[in-house]
Protein backbone atom coordinates (compact mmCIF):
# COMPACT_ATOMS: atom_id res chain seq x y z
CA MET A 1 76.42 60.32 49.01
CA LEU A 2 75.73 63.66 48.19
CA ILE A 3 74.07 64.82 45.28
CA LYS A 4 76.64 65.09 42.26
CA LEU A 5 77.59 68.49 40.36
CA GLN A 6 79.27 69.18 37.61
CA MET A 7 83.12 69.05 37.90
CA ILE A 8 84.61 73.24 37.33
CA ASN A 9 85.56 75.17 40.36
CA LYS A 10 83.40 78.37 41.27
CA PHE A 11 83.89 79.47 44.92
CA LYS A 12 87.01 78.99 45.72
CA LEU A 13 87.10 76.60 48.92
CA THR A 14 90.19 76.57 51.29
CA LYS A 15 90.52 74.83 55.03
CA GLU A 16 90.22 77.88 56.49
CA HIS A 17 86.61 78.47 55.25
CA LEU A 18 85.64 74.48 56.90
CA THR A 19 87.79 75.73 59.90
CA THR A 20 85.73 78.73 60.45
CA TRP A 21 82.48 77.20 59.27
CA PHE A 22 82.99 74.21 61.86
CA GLY A 23 83.29 76.62 64.71
CA GLU A 24 80.00 78.71 63.67
CA PHE A 25 77.85 75.45 63.16
CA ASN A 26 79.01 73.95 66.09
CA ARG A 27 78.09 76.71 68.29
CA ASN A 28 74.72 77.42 66.78
CA TYR A 29 73.46 73.80 65.96
CA PHE A 30 75.69 71.57 68.30
CA GLU A 31 75.74 73.35 71.40
CA GLY A 32 79.66 73.62 70.94
CA LYS A 33 79.72 70.02 72.02
CA LEU A 34 81.70 68.69 69.38
CA PRO A 35 85.65 68.48 69.00
CA GLN A 36 87.09 69.89 65.69
CA PRO A 37 87.95 66.76 63.64
CA ARG A 38 90.69 66.84 61.08
CA LEU A 39 89.51 68.88 57.89
CA ALA A 40 90.75 68.33 54.68
CA LEU A 41 89.79 69.17 51.06
CA SER A 42 89.60 66.52 48.64
CA ARG A 43 89.84 65.92 45.25
CA SER A 44 87.12 62.83 44.93
CA ARG A 45 85.30 63.07 41.77
CA ARG A 46 82.36 60.59 43.22
CA GLN A 47 81.55 62.67 46.54
CA LEU A 48 80.83 66.09 47.33
CA GLY A 49 82.28 65.26 51.22
CA SER A 50 82.88 62.41 53.49
CA MET A 51 82.97 61.78 57.36
CA ARG A 52 85.74 59.49 58.17
CA PHE A 53 86.66 57.65 61.77
CA LYS A 54 88.27 54.76 62.91
CA ARG A 55 86.95 52.16 66.14
CA ARG A 56 88.46 50.87 69.12
CA MET A 57 87.56 48.97 72.38
CA ARG A 58 87.72 50.39 75.51
CA MET A 59 86.43 49.38 79.21
CA GLY A 60 84.26 47.19 77.04
CA ARG A 61 82.84 49.37 74.87
CA VAL A 62 83.46 50.20 71.33
CA GLU A 63 84.00 54.17 70.90
CA THR A 64 84.89 55.98 67.58
CA TYR A 65 88.05 57.85 67.15
CA ASP A 66 90.31 59.98 64.73
CA HIS A 67 87.67 61.57 62.83
CA ALA A 68 87.97 63.41 59.53
CA ILE A 69 85.87 65.59 57.40
CA HIS A 70 86.57 65.52 53.60
CA VAL A 71 85.03 68.30 51.03
CA SER A 72 86.04 67.75 47.33
CA ILE A 73 86.84 70.98 45.65
CA LEU A 74 86.25 69.24 42.08
CA PHE A 75 82.69 70.48 42.00
CA GLU A 76 81.08 73.87 40.81
CA GLN A 77 79.63 75.30 44.09
CA GLY A 78 78.94 78.46 45.32
CA GLU A 79 79.96 79.30 49.40
CA ASN A 80 76.43 78.14 50.64
CA GLU A 81 76.61 74.75 48.54
CA PHE A 82 80.17 74.32 50.42
CA LYS A 83 78.37 75.01 53.26
CA ASN A 84 75.41 72.22 52.75
CA VAL A 85 78.61 69.63 52.36
CA LEU A 86 80.13 70.28 55.52
CA LEU A 87 77.24 70.58 57.47
CA HIS A 88 75.88 67.25 55.96
CA GLU A 89 79.40 65.40 57.24
CA MET A 90 78.73 66.94 60.52
CA ILE A 91 75.66 65.35 61.34
CA HIS A 92 77.24 62.38 60.24
CA TYR A 93 80.21 63.42 62.45
CA TYR A 94 77.75 63.92 65.24
CA ILE A 95 75.92 60.89 65.26
CA ALA A 96 79.10 58.98 65.11
CA TYR A 97 80.98 60.78 67.90
CA ASN A 98 78.09 60.16 70.56
CA ASN A 99 77.77 56.21 69.27
CA ILE A 100 74.01 57.23 68.15
CA GLN A 101 72.91 53.92 66.73
CA ASP A 102 70.80 54.74 63.40
CA THR A 103 68.78 52.64 60.62
CA GLY A 104 71.18 53.26 58.14
CA PRO A 105 73.88 55.69 56.56
CA HIS A 106 71.24 58.20 56.04
CA GLY A 107 68.70 56.68 58.45
CA GLU A 108 65.55 58.03 60.73
CA VAL A 109 68.19 60.16 63.25
CA PHE A 110 70.09 62.03 60.35
CA ARG A 111 67.07 62.68 58.07
CA LYS A 112 65.60 63.94 61.34
CA MET A 113 68.39 65.97 62.28
CA MET A 114 68.73 67.08 58.03
CA ASN A 115 65.00 68.04 58.04
CA TRP A 116 65.34 70.13 60.85
CA LEU A 117 68.12 72.60 59.79
CA ASN A 118 66.39 72.40 56.51
CA SER A 119 62.97 73.73 57.81
CA GLU A 120 64.14 75.76 60.96
CA HIS A 121 67.43 77.11 59.86
CA GLY A 122 67.09 77.50 55.67
CA TRP A 123 69.36 74.86 54.91
CA ASN A 124 69.28 72.81 51.66
CA MET A 125 70.56 69.45 52.60
CA LYS A 126 70.23 66.44 50.37
CA VAL A 127 70.92 62.70 50.30
CA SER A 128 71.15 60.59 46.94
CA GLU A 129 68.19 58.33 46.10
CA ASN A 130 70.15 56.70 43.19
CA GLY A 131 71.45 52.94 44.14
CA LYS A 132 70.46 49.51 43.63
CA ALA A 133 67.01 47.87 45.05
CA LEU A 134 68.38 45.95 47.30
CA GLN A 135 71.09 48.57 48.68
CA MET A 136 67.66 50.68 48.96
CA ALA A 137 65.74 47.58 50.37
CA GLN A 138 68.39 47.25 53.24
CA GLU A 139 68.04 51.04 54.32
CA ASN A 140 64.51 50.30 55.75
CA ILE A 141 66.14 47.46 57.46
CA PRO A 142 66.29 48.40 61.36
CA ARG A 143 70.03 48.27 61.76
CA ARG A 144 71.98 47.42 64.91
CA GLU A 145 75.97 47.33 65.09
CA TYR A 146 77.45 43.95 65.66
CA LEU A 147 80.70 43.11 67.61
CA VAL A 148 82.14 40.29 65.19
CA LEU A 149 85.42 38.29 66.08
CA ALA A 150 86.77 36.68 62.97
CA LEU A 151 89.25 33.71 63.08
CA SER A 152 91.58 31.92 60.87
CA LEU A 153 92.58 28.43 61.93
CA CYS A 154 96.10 26.52 60.68
CA SER A 155 93.78 23.80 59.18
CA GLY A 156 92.57 25.69 56.93
CA LYS A 157 88.76 26.80 58.67
CA ARG A 158 87.68 30.24 58.67
CA LEU A 159 84.69 31.35 61.38
CA LEU A 160 82.97 34.18 62.11
CA SER A 161 81.28 34.53 65.37
CA VAL A 162 78.72 37.77 66.67
CA VAL A 163 79.87 38.56 70.84
CA SER A 164 78.24 40.12 73.55
CA PRO A 165 80.30 43.12 74.35
CA ASN A 166 79.96 42.19 77.71
CA SER A 167 82.06 39.29 76.94
CA PHE A 168 84.84 40.90 74.96
CA ARG A 169 87.71 41.14 77.49
CA THR A 170 87.41 37.32 78.54
CA LEU A 171 87.17 35.96 74.91
CA ASN A 172 89.96 38.29 73.90
CA GLN A 173 92.09 36.84 76.73
CA GLN A 174 90.94 33.31 75.94
CA ILE A 175 91.64 33.23 72.38
CA LYS A 176 95.25 34.08 72.66
CA ARG A 177 95.65 30.49 74.14
CA VAL A 178 94.05 28.87 71.32
CA LYS A 179 96.53 26.05 70.19
CA GLN A 180 95.79 26.24 66.50
CA LEU A 181 94.81 29.73 65.85
CA GLU A 182 96.54 31.33 63.01
CA SER A 183 95.28 34.60 63.28
CA TYR A 184 92.27 36.47 64.34
CA GLY A 185 90.58 40.04 64.64
CA TRP A 186 87.85 42.27 65.81
CA TYR A 187 85.19 44.27 63.82
CA VAL A 188 82.52 46.03 64.13
CA SER A 189 79.41 45.27 61.27
CA SER A 190 76.35 47.03 60.56
CA ASP A 191 75.50 44.28 58.13
CA VAL A 192 71.98 42.63 57.77
CA TYR A 193 73.97 39.27 57.31
CA PHE A 194 74.43 39.08 61.25
CA SER A 195 71.42 39.62 62.31
CA ASN A 196 70.79 35.61 62.75
CA TYR A 197 73.73 35.18 64.50
CA PRO A 198 73.39 34.48 68.15
CA ARG A 199 75.58 36.66 70.76
CA VAL A 200 77.67 34.43 71.95
CA ARG A 201 79.86 34.71 75.33
CA THR A 202 82.40 31.56 74.64
CA LEU A 203 84.72 31.04 71.59
CA ARG A 204 82.21 29.55 68.96
CA GLY A 205 81.68 30.65 65.18
CA VAL A 206 80.08 29.73 62.25
CA GLU A 207 82.45 28.28 59.37
CA VAL A 208 82.17 29.75 56.37
CA ALA A 209 83.77 29.95 52.71
CA PRO A 210 87.53 31.34 52.77
CA ASP A 211 86.53 33.62 49.69
CA PHE A 212 83.38 34.76 51.51
CA PHE A 213 85.82 35.37 55.02
CA ASN A 214 87.63 37.37 53.10
CA GLU A 215 84.81 39.72 51.70
CA MET A 216 83.47 40.17 54.93
CA LEU A 217 86.89 41.09 56.32
CA LYS A 218 87.02 43.98 53.89
CA LYS A 219 83.17 45.45 54.24
CA MET A 220 84.05 45.12 57.88
CA GLN A 221 85.43 48.18 59.87
CA HIS A 222 88.44 46.73 62.46
CA LEU A 223 88.81 47.50 65.84
CA ASP A 224 91.99 49.00 67.06
CA ILE A 225 92.73 47.00 70.48
CA PRO A 226 95.10 48.62 73.28
CA GLN A 227 97.56 45.74 74.24
């Protein structure tokens, strides 16, 4: 999350500004390789900007799509400050679009790009240093993304499984033939909770409490699976 500022409008930001700036930054800093995402103004009181996207499985690989960048207009900022916000979110977009693994939301890859743009091109992007001690500690843990299968059985059991991406297609077909299956879903998570899970190639999982199961579903990103 970016540093908060006072909530009074100064420079009147428009969507046209975002479109023009995106094209300029894309050419100058990203070799013109970023497709234009949805660009929108928001009225967020918590974040200056955000970058959102969805994930899906295609050809046995996880890919991101439906990218969108939102910039809040409820903060007192000048034109250059708004440009910093957009460029900050474009770094997030670049990392997500290219499926680059980072060590956290503002991890090593992000900070390297941000520092390069700040030092070599005169920008002044920052990231918030606030947050709970646990969240700050977890930022320093090397993260990876996990392909998670969540199973709900008619018996009431709830299972979580970390699946090898190479086995996705096979298991996605097998799971439809499980007689006691109530529902299932595929997710992507970078939660360190899954670091001790084995990456399975068969239909098996770890039974967890229903409440914990539901909480994990809220935290993970659901995968859209083409039928």
